[in-house]
Every structure is written in C-alpha cells, then in structure tokens.
Amino acid sequence: MEYYFTTKEISLLLKTPIQFIRKMIREKRIIAYKVGRQYIVKEQDLNNYLDSVRYER
C-alpha cells in the first residue's frame, strides 16, 4: 500500500514552511495530486525529489 503525505506533513518532516512546499508543487518540482482543497504527495515521489536535490561531496 502506498503512503501519501500532506503538505503539512512534508513541511514538518523537512522543517520548511508550508508555503515553500506549495511553491515546489506549483513549479512542478514535486509531483502532487489535488484532493479537494489540499495537495497530497506519494512517498515515492517525495523520495525522488529528495534524491534529485541531494548534495554530494
């Protein structure tokens, strides 16, 4: 079963403002689905985004 995060859960997890998460969704940097009035993000899509912005030395 797939797990879905809300923008609030993502902001708490990443310690960033909800507005920043929404901006990333608007810019299509994070794939999200709109359900009613809120966005949800698949766990795999969030992991893909985090992998794409990972800083490596």
Protein backbone atom coordinates (compact mmCIF):
# COMPACT_ATOMS: atom_id res chain seq x y z
CA MET A 1 0.00 0.00 0.00
CA GLU A 2 1.30 3.44 -0.92
CA TYR A 3 1.60 6.19 1.66
CA TYR A 4 0.65 9.79 0.85
CA PHE A 5 1.92 12.90 2.65
CA THR A 6 0.06 16.18 3.03
CA THR A 7 1.90 19.46 2.55
CA LYS A 8 1.78 19.96 6.32
CA GLU A 9 3.42 16.57 6.97
CA ILE A 10 6.14 17.32 4.42
CA SER A 11 6.84 20.73 5.93
CA LEU A 12 7.21 19.17 9.39
CA LEU A 13 9.40 16.38 8.04
CA LEU A 14 11.72 18.72 6.10
CA LYS A 15 11.47 21.60 8.60
CA THR A 16 10.47 24.07 5.89
CA PRO A 17 7.45 26.38 5.61
CA ILE A 18 4.28 25.01 4.01
CA GLN A 19 4.42 27.91 1.53
CA PHE A 20 7.78 26.62 0.25
CA ILE A 21 6.33 23.13 -0.28
CA ARG A 22 3.38 24.62 -2.17
CA LYS A 23 5.79 26.65 -4.30
CA MET A 24 7.72 23.50 -5.18
CA ILE A 25 4.44 21.85 -6.19
CA ARG A 26 3.41 24.86 -8.32
CA GLU A 27 6.81 24.78 -10.05
CA LYS A 28 6.26 21.03 -10.64
CA ARG A 29 9.47 20.16 -8.79
CA ILE A 30 7.40 17.88 -6.53
CA ILE A 31 4.67 15.76 -8.13
CA ALA A 32 1.41 16.19 -6.22
CA TYR A 33 -2.27 15.38 -6.54
CA LYS A 34 -5.01 17.79 -5.55
CA VAL A 35 -7.71 16.15 -3.45
CA GLY A 36 -10.42 18.59 -2.53
CA ARG A 37 -8.63 21.68 -1.30
CA GLN A 38 -5.32 20.08 -0.37
CA TYR A 39 -2.38 18.51 -2.12
CA ILE A 40 -1.06 15.04 -1.37
CA VAL A 41 2.29 13.60 -2.43
CA LYS A 42 3.19 9.94 -2.85
CA GLU A 43 6.04 8.76 -0.66
CA GLN A 44 7.96 7.60 -3.75
CA ASP A 45 7.53 10.99 -5.47
CA LEU A 46 8.84 12.76 -2.36
CA ASN A 47 11.82 10.39 -2.23
CA ASN A 48 12.51 11.04 -5.93
CA TYR A 49 12.53 14.79 -5.30
CA LEU A 50 14.83 14.42 -2.30
CA ASP A 51 17.20 12.23 -4.32
CA SER A 52 17.31 14.85 -7.08
CA VAL A 53 18.35 17.65 -4.70
CA ARG A 54 20.72 15.64 -2.54
CA TYR A 55 24.08 17.32 -2.01
CA GLU A 56 27.04 15.05 -2.50
CA ARG A 57 30.68 15.90 -1.91
